[in-house]
PDB file of N, CA and C in Angstrom:
ATOM      1  N   MET A   1      16.997  49.464 -14.525  1.00  0.00           N
ATOM      2  CA  MET A   1      17.663  48.889 -13.373  1.00  0.00           C
ATOM      3  C   MET A   1      18.583  47.763 -13.825  1.00  0.00           C
ATOM      4  N   ASN A   2      19.769  47.809 -13.306  1.00  0.00           N
ATOM      5  CA  ASN A   2      20.745  46.775 -13.626  1.00  0.00           C
ATOM      6  C   ASN A   2      20.848  45.831 -12.443  1.00  0.00           C
ATOM      7  N   MET A   3      20.507  44.564 -12.647  1.00  0.00           N
ATOM      8  CA  MET A   3      20.558  43.569 -11.565  1.00  0.00           C
ATOM      9  C   MET A   3      21.959  42.975 -11.514  1.00  0.00           C
ATOM     10  N   ASP A   4      22.530  42.962 -10.347  1.00  0.00           N
ATOM     11  CA  ASP A   4      23.860  42.391 -10.174  1.00  0.00           C
ATOM     12  C   ASP A   4      23.703  40.934  -9.745  1.00  0.00           C
ATOM     13  N   ASN A   5      24.305  40.015 -10.469  1.00  0.00           N
ATOM     14  CA  ASN A   5      24.186  38.592 -10.186  1.00  0.00           C
ATOM     15  C   ASN A   5      25.228  38.080  -9.206  1.00  0.00           C
ATOM     16  N   SER A   6      25.975  38.966  -8.583  1.00  0.00           N
ATOM     17  CA  SER A   6      27.024  38.514  -7.663  1.00  0.00           C
ATOM     18  C   SER A   6      26.426  37.904  -6.400  1.00  0.00           C
ATOM     19  N   TYR A   7      25.167  38.201  -6.111  1.00  0.00           N
ATOM     20  CA  TYR A   7      24.535  37.667  -4.903  1.00  0.00           C
ATOM     21  C   TYR A   7      23.765  36.370  -5.156  1.00  0.00           C
ATOM     22  N   SER A   8      23.722  35.927  -6.387  1.00  0.00           N
ATOM     23  CA  SER A   8      22.995  34.696  -6.672  1.00  0.00           C
ATOM     24  C   SER A   8      23.772  33.510  -6.110  1.00  0.00           C
ATOM     25  N   THR A   9      23.049  32.517  -5.676  1.00  0.00           N
ATOM     26  CA  THR A   9      23.689  31.335  -5.100  1.00  0.00           C
ATOM     27  C   THR A   9      23.987  30.340  -6.203  1.00  0.00           C
ATOM     28  N   THR A  10      25.164  29.806  -6.148  1.00  0.00           N
ATOM     29  CA  THR A  10      25.541  28.775  -7.104  1.00  0.00           C
ATOM     30  C   THR A  10      25.799  27.497  -6.343  1.00  0.00           C
ATOM     31  N   ILE A  11      25.417  26.411  -6.938  1.00  0.00           N
ATOM     32  CA  ILE A  11      25.607  25.111  -6.301  1.00  0.00           C
ATOM     33  C   ILE A  11      26.850  24.483  -6.908  1.00  0.00           C
ATOM     34  N   THR A  12      27.802  24.275  -6.077  1.00  0.00           N
ATOM     35  CA  THR A  12      29.029  23.641  -6.538  1.00  0.00           C
ATOM     36  C   THR A  12      28.932  22.152  -6.291  1.00  0.00           C
ATOM     37  N   PRO A  13      29.707  21.353  -6.982  1.00  0.00           N
ATOM     38  CA  PRO A  13      29.661  19.902  -6.781  1.00  0.00           C
ATOM     39  C   PRO A  13      29.945  19.493  -5.337  1.00  0.00           C
ATOM     40  N   SER A  14      30.808  20.236  -4.647  1.00  0.00           N
ATOM     41  CA  SER A  14      31.114  19.878  -3.258  1.00  0.00           C
ATOM     42  C   SER A  14      29.909  20.086  -2.356  1.00  0.00           C
ATOM     43  N   THR A  15      29.102  21.123  -2.634  1.00  0.00           N
ATOM     44  CA  THR A  15      27.920  21.342  -1.797  1.00  0.00           C
ATOM     45  C   THR A  15      26.878  20.266  -2.034  1.00  0.00           C
ATOM     46  N   THR A  16      26.695  19.859  -3.268  1.00  0.00           N
ATOM     47  CA  THR A  16      25.697  18.833  -3.536  1.00  0.00           C
ATOM     48  C   THR A  16      26.125  17.497  -2.956  1.00  0.00           C
ATOM     49  N   SER A  17      27.421  17.186  -3.022  1.00  0.00           N
ATOM     50  CA  SER A  17      27.869  15.915  -2.450  1.00  0.00           C
ATOM     51  C   SER A  17      27.755  15.936  -0.933  1.00  0.00           C
ATOM     52  N   THR A  18      28.000  17.107  -0.328  1.00  0.00           N
ATOM     53  CA  THR A  18      27.853  17.223   1.131  1.00  0.00           C
ATOM     54  C   THR A  18      26.395  17.052   1.512  1.00  0.00           C
ATOM     55  N   GLN A  19      25.504  17.678   0.753  1.00  0.00           N
ATOM     56  CA  GLN A  19      24.078  17.552   1.038  1.00  0.00           C
ATOM     57  C   GLN A  19      23.618  16.120   0.840  1.00  0.00           C
ATOM     58  N   ALA A  20      24.103  15.467  -0.197  1.00  0.00           N
ATOM     59  CA  ALA A  20      23.722  14.076  -0.459  1.00  0.00           C
ATOM     60  C   ALA A  20      24.229  13.188   0.671  1.00  0.00           C
ATOM     61  N   CYS A  21      25.444  13.451   1.130  1.00  0.00           N
ATOM     62  CA  CYS A  21      26.029  12.664   2.216  1.00  0.00           C
ATOM     63  C   CYS A  21      25.203  12.833   3.486  1.00  0.00           C
ATOM     64  N   GLN A  22      24.815  14.071   3.793  1.00  0.00           N
ATOM     65  CA  GLN A  22      24.003  14.325   4.986  1.00  0.00           C
ATOM     66  C   GLN A  22      22.652  13.636   4.863  1.00  0.00           C
ATOM     67  N   CYS A  23      22.106  13.639   3.669  1.00  0.00           N
ATOM     68  CA  CYS A  23      20.813  12.982   3.437  1.00  0.00           C
ATOM     69  C   CYS A  23      20.948  11.476   3.617  1.00  0.00           C
ATOM     70  N   GLU A  24      22.034  10.904   3.108  1.00  0.00           N
ATOM     71  CA  GLU A  24      22.262   9.464   3.251  1.00  0.00           C
ATOM     72  C   GLU A  24      22.458   9.101   4.720  1.00  0.00           C
ATOM     73  N   GLU A  25      23.189   9.939   5.464  1.00  0.00           N
ATOM     74  CA  GLU A  25      23.402   9.679   6.887  1.00  0.00           C
ATOM     75  C   GLU A  25      22.082   9.732   7.637  1.00  0.00           C
ATOM     76  N   ALA A  26      21.236  10.698   7.299  1.00  0.00           N
ATOM     77  CA  ALA A  26      19.942  10.825   7.957  1.00  0.00           C
ATOM     78  C   ALA A  26      19.063   9.628   7.640  1.00  0.00           C
ATOM     79  N   SER A  27      19.052   9.203   6.381  1.00  0.00           N
ATOM     80  CA  SER A  27      18.223   8.057   6.016  1.00  0.00           C
ATOM     81  C   SER A  27      18.790   6.782   6.626  1.00  0.00           C
ATOM     82  N   SER A  28      20.106   6.697   6.724  1.00  0.00           N
ATOM     83  CA  SER A  28      20.731   5.536   7.351  1.00  0.00           C
ATOM     84  C   SER A  28      20.374   5.480   8.829  1.00  0.00           C
ATOM     85  N   SER A  29      20.392   6.641   9.467  1.00  0.00           N
ATOM     86  CA  SER A  29      20.041   6.719  10.886  1.00  0.00           C
ATOM     87  C   SER A  29      18.576   6.315  11.094  1.00  0.00           C
ATOM     88  N   MET A  30      17.700   6.805  10.226  1.00  0.00           N
ATOM     89  CA  MET A  30      16.279   6.457  10.319  1.00  0.00           C
ATOM     90  C   MET A  30      16.085   4.965  10.077  1.00  0.00           C
ATOM     91  N   LYS A  31      16.834   4.425   9.133  1.00  0.00           N
ATOM     92  CA  LYS A  31      16.732   2.996   8.817  1.00  0.00           C
ATOM     93  C   LYS A  31      17.171   2.169  10.020  1.00  0.00           C
ATOM     94  N   ASN A  32      18.269   2.578  10.660  1.00  0.00           N
ATOM     95  CA  ASN A  32      18.754   1.845  11.827  1.00  0.00           C
ATOM     96  C   ASN A  32      17.759   1.902  12.980  1.00  0.00           C
ATOM     97  N   LYS A  33      17.137   3.061  13.192  1.00  0.00           N
ATOM     98  CA  LYS A  33      16.128   3.187  14.248  1.00  0.00           C
ATOM     99  C   LYS A  33      14.940   2.290  13.950  1.00  0.00           C
ATOM    100  N   PHE A  34      14.519   2.281  12.691  1.00  0.00           N
ATOM    101  CA  PHE A  34      13.383   1.455  12.291  1.00  0.00           C
ATOM    102  C   PHE A  34      13.698  -0.020  12.477  1.00  0.00           C
ATOM    103  N   LEU A  35      14.888  -0.443  12.032  1.00  0.00           N
ATOM    104  CA  LEU A  35      15.265  -1.853  12.162  1.00  0.00           C
ATOM    105  C   LEU A  35      15.380  -2.264  13.627  1.00  0.00           C
ATOM    106  N   LYS A  36      15.867  -1.371  14.471  1.00  0.00           N
ATOM    107  CA  LYS A  36      15.965  -1.655  15.900  1.00  0.00           C
ATOM    108  C   LYS A  36      14.567  -1.833  16.505  1.00  0.00           C
ATOM    109  N   ALA A  37      13.639  -0.973  16.119  1.00  0.00           N
ATOM    110  CA  ALA A  37      12.266  -1.069  16.627  1.00  0.00           C
ATOM    111  C   ALA A  37      11.604  -2.362  16.150  1.00  0.00           C
ATOM    112  N   VAL A  38      11.829  -2.738  14.897  1.00  0.00           N
ATOM    113  CA  VAL A  38      11.257  -3.978  14.359  1.00  0.00           C
ATOM    114  C   VAL A  38      11.817  -5.178  15.110  1.00  0.00           C
ATOM    115  N   LYS A  39      13.120  -5.171  15.351  1.00  0.00           N
ATOM    116  CA  LYS A  39      13.757  -6.276  16.059  1.00  0.00           C
ATOM    117  C   LYS A  39      13.202  -6.392  17.483  1.00  0.00           C
ATOM    118  N   GLU A  40      13.002  -5.256  18.140  1.00  0.00           N
ATOM    119  CA  GLU A  40      12.457  -5.267  19.492  1.00  0.00           C
ATOM    120  C   GLU A  40      11.034  -5.814  19.510  1.00  0.00           C
ATOM    121  N   GLN A  41      10.212  -5.407  18.551  1.00  0.00           N
ATOM    122  CA  GLN A  41       8.836  -5.896  18.486  1.00  0.00           C
ATOM    123  C   GLN A  41       8.797  -7.390  18.197  1.00  0.00           C
ATOM    124  N   ARG A  42       9.681  -7.864  17.329  1.00  0.00           N
ATOM    125  CA  ARG A  42       9.741  -9.308  17.052  1.00  0.00           C
ATOM    126  C   ARG A  42      10.108 -10.073  18.310  1.00  0.00           C
ATOM    127  N   SER A  43      11.025  -9.535  19.093  1.00  0.00           N
ATOM    128  CA  SER A  43      11.423 -10.185  20.344  1.00  0.00           C
ATOM    129  C   SER A  43      10.245 -10.249  21.317  1.00  0.00           C
ATOM    130  N   ARG A  44       9.524  -9.154  21.412  1.00  0.00           N
ATOM    131  CA  ARG A  44       8.360  -9.129  22.316  1.00  0.00           C
ATOM    132  C   ARG A  44       7.298 -10.133  21.879  1.00  0.00           C
ATOM    133  N   LEU A  45       7.042 -10.190  20.579  1.00  0.00           N
ATOM    134  CA  LEU A  45       6.052 -11.145  20.076  1.00  0.00           C
ATOM    135  C   LEU A  45       6.496 -12.587  20.314  1.00  0.00           C
ATOM    136  N   TYR A  46       7.782 -12.859  20.188  1.00  0.00           N
ATOM    137  CA  TYR A  46       8.303 -14.199  20.439  1.00  0.00           C
ATOM    138  C   TYR A  46       8.082 -14.591  21.900  1.00  0.00           C
ATOM    139  N   ILE A  47       8.390 -13.677  22.805  1.00  0.00           N
ATOM    140  CA  ILE A  47       8.196 -13.963  24.239  1.00  0.00           C
ATOM    141  C   ILE A  47       6.725 -14.182  24.537  1.00  0.00           C
ATOM    142  N   LEU A  48       5.868 -13.335  23.979  1.00  0.00           N
ATOM    143  CA  LEU A  48       4.423 -13.473  24.195  1.00  0.00           C
ATOM    144  C   LEU A  48       3.927 -14.816  23.656  1.00  0.00           C
ATOM    145  N   LYS A  49       4.385 -15.195  22.494  1.00  0.00           N
ATOM    146  CA  LYS A  49       3.993 -16.476  21.906  1.00  0.00           C
ATOM    147  C   LYS A  49       4.418 -17.640  22.799  1.00  0.00           C
ATOM    148  N   ARG A  50       5.637 -17.586  23.308  1.00  0.00           N
ATOM    149  CA  ARG A  50       6.133 -18.661  24.175  1.00  0.00           C
ATOM    150  C   ARG A  50       5.316 -18.745  25.469  1.00  0.00           C
ATOM    151  N   CYS A  51       4.938 -17.610  26.021  1.00  0.00           N
ATOM    152  CA  CYS A  51       4.125 -17.601  27.243  1.00  0.00           C
ATOM    153  C   CYS A  51       2.740 -18.195  26.981  1.00  0.00           C
ATOM    154  N   ILE A  52       2.140 -17.832  25.871  1.00  0.00           N
ATOM    155  CA  ILE A  52       0.809 -18.364  25.541  1.00  0.00           C
ATOM    156  C   ILE A  52       0.880 -19.869  25.339  1.00  0.00           C
ATOM    157  N   ILE A  53       1.885 -20.338  24.631  1.00  0.00           N
ATOM    158  CA  ILE A  53       2.041 -21.783  24.409  1.00  0.00           C
ATOM    159  C   ILE A  53       2.233 -22.502  25.737  1.00  0.00           C
ATOM    160  N   MET A  54       3.042 -21.918  26.614  1.00  0.00           N
ATOM    161  CA  MET A  54       3.274 -22.533  27.912  1.00  0.00           C
ATOM    162  C   MET A  54       1.968 -22.617  28.703  1.00  0.00           C
ATOM    163  N   LEU A  55       1.177 -21.557  28.702  1.00  0.00           N
ATOM    164  CA  LEU A  55      -0.090 -21.559  29.432  1.00  0.00           C
ATOM    165  C   LEU A  55      -1.087 -22.562  28.839  1.00  0.00           C
ATOM    166  N   LEU A  56      -1.132 -22.648  27.507  1.00  0.00           N
ATOM    167  CA  LEU A  56      -2.058 -23.578  26.878  1.00  0.00           C
ATOM    168  C   LEU A  56      -1.667 -25.047  27.092  1.00  0.00           C
ATOM    169  N   CYS A  57      -0.389 -25.292  27.188  1.00  0.00           N
ATOM    170  CA  CYS A  57       0.096 -26.677  27.330  1.00  0.00           C
ATOM    171  C   CYS A  57       0.245 -27.098  28.790  1.00  0.00           C
ATOM    172  N   TRP A  58       0.019 -26.213  29.710  1.00  0.00           N
ATOM    173  CA  TRP A  58       0.217 -26.513  31.126  1.00  0.00           C
ATOM    174  C   TRP A  58      -0.838 -27.516  31.594  1.00  0.00           C
ATOM    175  N   GLN A  59      -0.361 -28.589  32.173  1.00  0.00           N
ATOM    176  CA  GLN A  59      -1.263 -29.601  32.715  1.00  0.00           C
ATOM    177  C   GLN A  59      -0.892 -29.873  34.160  1.00  0.00           C
ATOM    178  N   GLU A  60      -1.918 -30.022  34.959  1.00  0.00           N
ATOM    179  CA  GLU A  60      -1.669 -30.334  36.363  1.00  0.00           C
ATOM    180  C   GLU A  60      -2.086 -31.753  36.652  1.00  0.00           C
TER     181      GLU A  60
END
């Protein structure tokens, strides 16, 4: 049997750079989502801390 290699896939530099670019965009997107979530949680903790301090310091 003679195997024809015309159907084998070859990776060209343009395909690898496109794949790398897509991977970087995906990781960048994930990083931005993560940073946004961290920033939101920090804001919530700050508000909670301020409320607790206000309640503890409240004098009548």
